[in-house]
C-alpha atoms as a PDB file:
ATOM      1  CA  UNK A   1       0.917 -43.739 -37.684  1.00  0.00           C
ATOM      2  CA  UNK A   2      -2.186 -41.825 -37.111  1.00  0.00           C
ATOM      3  CA  UNK A   3      -2.214 -42.920 -33.370  1.00  0.00           C
ATOM      4  CA  UNK A   4       1.312 -41.764 -32.818  1.00  0.00           C
ATOM      5  CA  UNK A   5       0.618 -38.528 -34.205  1.00  0.00           C
ATOM      6  CA  UNK A   6      -2.412 -37.981 -32.146  1.00  0.00           C
ATOM      7  CA  UNK A   7      -0.470 -39.193 -28.862  1.00  0.00           C
ATOM      8  CA  UNK A   8       2.201 -36.561 -29.743  1.00  0.00           C
ATOM      9  CA  UNK A   9      -0.061 -33.749 -30.136  1.00  0.00           C
ATOM     10  CA  UNK A  10      -1.816 -34.533 -26.992  1.00  0.00           C
ATOM     11  CA  UNK A  11       1.560 -34.757 -25.127  1.00  0.00           C
ATOM     12  CA  UNK A  12       2.385 -31.516 -26.442  1.00  0.00           C
ATOM     13  CA  UNK A  13      -0.873 -30.088 -25.394  1.00  0.00           C
ATOM     14  CA  UNK A  14      -0.393 -31.412 -22.076  1.00  0.00           C
ATOM     15  CA  UNK A  15       3.091 -29.891 -21.492  1.00  0.00           C
ATOM     16  CA  UNK A  16       2.181 -26.613 -22.898  1.00  0.00           C
ATOM     17  CA  UNK A  17      -0.858 -26.467 -20.295  1.00  0.00           C
ATOM     18  CA  UNK A  18       1.548 -27.334 -17.570  1.00  0.00           C
ATOM     19  CA  UNK A  19       3.952 -24.664 -18.637  1.00  0.00           C
ATOM     20  CA  UNK A  20       1.291 -22.040 -19.058  1.00  0.00           C
ATOM     21  CA  UNK A  21      -0.243 -22.886 -15.534  1.00  0.00           C
ATOM     22  CA  UNK A  22       3.402 -22.352 -13.871  1.00  0.00           C
ATOM     23  CA  UNK A  23       3.781 -19.038 -15.668  1.00  0.00           C
ATOM     24  CA  UNK A  24       0.369 -17.925 -14.649  1.00  0.00           C
ATOM     25  CA  UNK A  25       1.007 -18.629 -11.078  1.00  0.00           C
ATOM     26  CA  UNK A  26       4.317 -16.634 -11.090  1.00  0.00           C
ATOM     27  CA  UNK A  27       2.624 -13.753 -12.703  1.00  0.00           C
ATOM     28  CA  UNK A  28      -0.159 -13.985 -10.071  1.00  0.00           C
ATOM     29  CA  UNK A  29       2.361 -14.050  -7.327  1.00  0.00           C
ATOM     30  CA  UNK A  30       4.301 -11.101  -8.739  1.00  0.00           C
ATOM     31  CA  UNK A  31       1.212  -9.157  -9.346  1.00  0.00           C
ATOM     32  CA  UNK A  32       0.218  -9.703  -5.394  1.00  0.00           C
ATOM     33  CA  UNK A  33       3.725  -8.391  -4.398  1.00  0.00           C
ATOM     34  CA  UNK A  34       3.435  -5.352  -6.636  1.00  0.00           C
ATOM     35  CA  UNK A  35       0.108  -4.442  -6.134  1.00  0.00           C
ATOM     36  CA  UNK A  36      -0.569  -0.588  -6.488  1.00  0.00           C
ATOM     37  CA  UNK A  37      -2.906   1.090  -4.410  1.00  0.00           C
ATOM     38  CA  UNK A  38      -3.820   4.900  -4.526  1.00  0.00           C
ATOM     39  CA  UNK A  39      -5.392   6.452  -1.453  1.00  0.00           C
ATOM     40  CA  UNK A  40      -7.476   9.462  -1.837  1.00  0.00           C
ATOM     41  CA  UNK A  41      -7.743  11.308   1.565  1.00  0.00           C
ATOM     42  CA  UNK A  42     -10.267  13.940   0.484  1.00  0.00           C
ATOM     43  CA  UNK A  43     -13.199  11.883   1.826  1.00  0.00           C
ATOM     44  CA  UNK A  44     -11.602  10.343   4.788  1.00  0.00           C
ATOM     45  CA  UNK A  45      -9.853  13.464   6.160  1.00  0.00           C
ATOM     46  CA  UNK A  46     -12.541  16.039   5.409  1.00  0.00           C
ATOM     47  CA  UNK A  47     -11.817  17.628   9.028  1.00  0.00           C
ATOM     48  CA  UNK A  48      -8.143  17.642   8.677  1.00  0.00           C
ATOM     49  CA  UNK A  49      -7.335  21.559   8.297  1.00  0.00           C
ATOM     50  CA  UNK A  50      -4.569  23.364   7.115  1.00  0.00           C
ATOM     51  CA  UNK A  51      -4.208  27.185   7.637  1.00  0.00           C
ATOM     52  CA  UNK A  52      -6.943  27.858   4.889  1.00  0.00           C
ATOM     53  CA  UNK A  53      -8.705  24.267   4.794  1.00  0.00           C
ATOM     54  CA  UNK A  54      -8.535  20.700   3.871  1.00  0.00           C
ATOM     55  CA  UNK A  55      -5.395  19.687   1.964  1.00  0.00           C
ATOM     56  CA  UNK A  56      -6.574  16.279   0.009  1.00  0.00           C
ATOM     57  CA  UNK A  57      -3.763  14.002  -1.000  1.00  0.00           C
ATOM     58  CA  UNK A  58      -3.337  10.866  -3.275  1.00  0.00           C
ATOM     59  CA  UNK A  59      -0.867   8.378  -1.651  1.00  0.00           C
ATOM     60  CA  UNK A  60       0.467   6.023  -4.156  1.00  0.00           C
ATOM     61  CA  UNK A  61       1.687   2.705  -2.401  1.00  0.00           C
ATOM     62  CA  UNK A  62       3.150  -0.105  -4.338  1.00  0.00           C
ATOM     63  CA  UNK A  63       3.992  -3.420  -2.992  1.00  0.00           C
ATOM     64  CA  UNK A  64       3.596  -2.037   0.688  1.00  0.00           C
ATOM     65  CA  UNK A  65       6.174   0.769   0.000  1.00  0.00           C
ATOM     66  CA  UNK A  66       5.036   4.614  -0.541  1.00  0.00           C
ATOM     67  CA  UNK A  67       6.036   5.792  -4.004  1.00  0.00           C
ATOM     68  CA  UNK A  68       4.245   9.153  -4.225  1.00  0.00           C
ATOM     69  CA  UNK A  69       2.217  11.575  -2.336  1.00  0.00           C
ATOM     70  CA  UNK A  70       0.273  14.007  -4.732  1.00  0.00           C
ATOM     71  CA  UNK A  71      -1.108  17.162  -3.048  1.00  0.00           C
ATOM     72  CA  UNK A  72      -4.543  18.065  -4.699  1.00  0.00           C
ATOM     73  CA  UNK A  73      -6.404  21.129  -5.243  1.00  0.00           C
ATOM     74  CA  UNK A  74      -6.703  23.122  -1.947  1.00  0.00           C
ATOM     75  CA  UNK A  75      -6.867  26.555  -0.460  1.00  0.00           C
ATOM     76  CA  UNK A  76      -3.359  26.890   1.275  1.00  0.00           C
ATOM     77  CA  UNK A  77      -1.020  29.661   0.382  1.00  0.00           C
ATOM     78  CA  UNK A  78       1.252  28.340  -2.358  1.00  0.00           C
ATOM     79  CA  UNK A  79       4.535  29.527  -0.880  1.00  0.00           C
ATOM     80  CA  UNK A  80       3.690  27.670   2.585  1.00  0.00           C
ATOM     81  CA  UNK A  81       2.373  24.706   1.065  1.00  0.00           C
ATOM     82  CA  UNK A  82       5.518  24.467  -0.952  1.00  0.00           C
ATOM     83  CA  UNK A  83       7.771  24.714   2.020  1.00  0.00           C
ATOM     84  CA  UNK A  84       5.629  22.121   4.046  1.00  0.00           C
ATOM     85  CA  UNK A  85       5.526  19.530   1.157  1.00  0.00           C
ATOM     86  CA  UNK A  86       9.322  19.994   0.738  1.00  0.00           C
ATOM     87  CA  UNK A  87       9.898  19.310   4.108  1.00  0.00           C
ATOM     88  CA  UNK A  88       7.215  16.516   5.242  1.00  0.00           C
ATOM     89  CA  UNK A  89       6.698  14.386   2.080  1.00  0.00           C
ATOM     90  CA  UNK A  90      10.292  13.382   1.382  1.00  0.00           C
ATOM     91  CA  UNK A  91      10.211  11.808   4.894  1.00  0.00           C
ATOM     92  CA  UNK A  92       7.640   9.292   3.925  1.00  0.00           C
ATOM     93  CA  UNK A  93       8.466   8.402   0.137  1.00  0.00           C
ATOM     94  CA  UNK A  94      10.332   5.129   0.031  1.00  0.00           C
ATOM     95  CA  UNK A  95       9.210   3.953   3.389  1.00  0.00           C
ATOM     96  CA  UNK A  96       7.104   0.928   4.059  1.00  0.00           C
ATOM     97  CA  UNK A  97       3.492   1.653   5.202  1.00  0.00           C
ATOM     98  CA  UNK A  98       4.516  -0.007   8.790  1.00  0.00           C
ATOM     99  CA  UNK A  99       7.564   2.456   9.000  1.00  0.00           C
ATOM    100  CA  UNK A 100       5.297   5.544   7.650  1.00  0.00           C
ATOM    101  CA  UNK A 101       2.942   4.796  10.244  1.00  0.00           C
ATOM    102  CA  UNK A 102       5.248   4.980  13.216  1.00  0.00           C
ATOM    103  CA  UNK A 103       7.352   7.913  11.787  1.00  0.00           C
ATOM    104  CA  UNK A 104       7.426  11.167  13.829  1.00  0.00           C
ATOM    105  CA  UNK A 105       7.727  13.419  11.068  1.00  0.00           C
ATOM    106  CA  UNK A 106       9.616  16.970  11.303  1.00  0.00           C
ATOM    107  CA  UNK A 107       7.286  19.962  10.341  1.00  0.00           C
ATOM    108  CA  UNK A 108       8.508  22.921   8.277  1.00  0.00           C
ATOM    109  CA  UNK A 109       9.188  26.113  10.250  1.00  0.00           C
ATOM    110  CA  UNK A 110       6.821  28.986   9.464  1.00  0.00           C
ATOM    111  CA  UNK A 111       4.418  26.472   7.674  1.00  0.00           C
ATOM    112  CA  UNK A 112       3.221  24.598  10.840  1.00  0.00           C
ATOM    113  CA  UNK A 113      -0.490  24.291   9.863  1.00  0.00           C
ATOM    114  CA  UNK A 114       0.073  23.155   6.496  1.00  0.00           C
ATOM    115  CA  UNK A 115       2.882  20.582   7.549  1.00  0.00           C
ATOM    116  CA  UNK A 116       0.578  19.221  10.255  1.00  0.00           C
ATOM    117  CA  UNK A 117      -2.384  19.011   7.872  1.00  0.00           C
ATOM    118  CA  UNK A 118      -0.219  16.909   5.337  1.00  0.00           C
ATOM    119  CA  UNK A 119       1.246  14.590   8.177  1.00  0.00           C
ATOM    120  CA  UNK A 120      -2.569  13.841   9.693  1.00  0.00           C
ATOM    121  CA  UNK A 121      -3.953  13.269   6.001  1.00  0.00           C
ATOM    122  CA  UNK A 122      -0.901  10.666   5.384  1.00  0.00           C
ATOM    123  CA  UNK A 123      -1.605   8.864   8.579  1.00  0.00           C
ATOM    124  CA  UNK A 124      -5.289   8.801   7.925  1.00  0.00           C
ATOM    125  CA  UNK A 125      -4.565   7.688   4.316  1.00  0.00           C
ATOM    126  CA  UNK A 126      -2.209   4.846   5.445  1.00  0.00           C
ATOM    127  CA  UNK A 127      -4.747   3.432   7.674  1.00  0.00           C
ATOM    128  CA  UNK A 128      -6.668   2.700   4.611  1.00  0.00           C
ATOM    129  CA  UNK A 129      -4.126   0.376   2.809  1.00  0.00           C
ATOM    130  CA  UNK A 130      -4.974  -2.988   2.365  1.00  0.00           C
ATOM    131  CA  UNK A 131      -2.191  -5.469   3.351  1.00  0.00           C
ATOM    132  CA  UNK A 132      -0.598  -7.087   0.426  1.00  0.00           C
ATOM    133  CA  UNK A 133       0.191 -10.162   2.396  1.00  0.00           C
ATOM    134  CA  UNK A 134      -2.737 -11.933   4.314  1.00  0.00           C
ATOM    135  CA  UNK A 135      -1.338 -13.303   7.599  1.00  0.00           C
ATOM    136  CA  UNK A 136      -3.213 -16.382   8.981  1.00  0.00           C
ATOM    137  CA  UNK A 137      -3.602 -16.673  12.739  1.00  0.00           C
ATOM    138  CA  UNK A 138      -2.269 -19.845  14.096  1.00  0.00           C
ATOM    139  CA  UNK A 139      -4.866 -21.853  15.741  1.00  0.00           C
ATOM    140  CA  UNK A 140      -5.137 -21.501  19.387  1.00  0.00           C
ATOM    141  CA  UNK A 141      -3.718 -24.272  21.451  1.00  0.00           C
ATOM    142  CA  UNK A 142      -6.489 -26.286  23.714  1.00  0.00           C
ATOM    143  CA  UNK A 143      -5.665 -26.783  27.129  1.00  0.00           C
ATOM    144  CA  UNK A 144      -5.341 -30.414  27.869  1.00  0.00           C
ATOM    145  CA  UNK A 145      -7.195 -31.584  31.056  1.00  0.00           C
ATOM    146  CA  UNK A 146      -4.958 -33.207  33.473  1.00  0.00           C
ATOM    147  CA  UNK A 147      -6.231 -36.074  35.627  1.00  0.00           C
ATOM    148  CA  UNK A 148      -5.255 -35.895  39.256  1.00  0.00           C
ATOM    149  CA  UNK A 149      -4.314 -39.045  41.044  1.00  0.00           C
END
């Protein structure tokens, strides 16, 4: 009787462990797909100048898609910066990093310097995004030596 109970308990533990392992693997895969990165451009784009100075950003990328772009403290004129952000930022939100890197964004008329600074900051920030899927290179095929007859 004791052996039967012990065997049943062991079987339940093994089954629970296998189930837990499967759930852990699913969570890890889901976590990789929804990895969130926030890129601060203040350090990497120090020399990118708007009309009155640098325009640092926080770019939020989740699962390879740009979710948000936040304009941080800067010296730009609020009215011009507002015009530039209203025109430039929506062009990037919702795009994949690959799409955004090749995007030829429109600038806001009358806020050219601010718009250009935003675009350059975004481009430099996207270069810092870590890929969420690591691609393996296929091994190079070796050339076979042909014998002459």
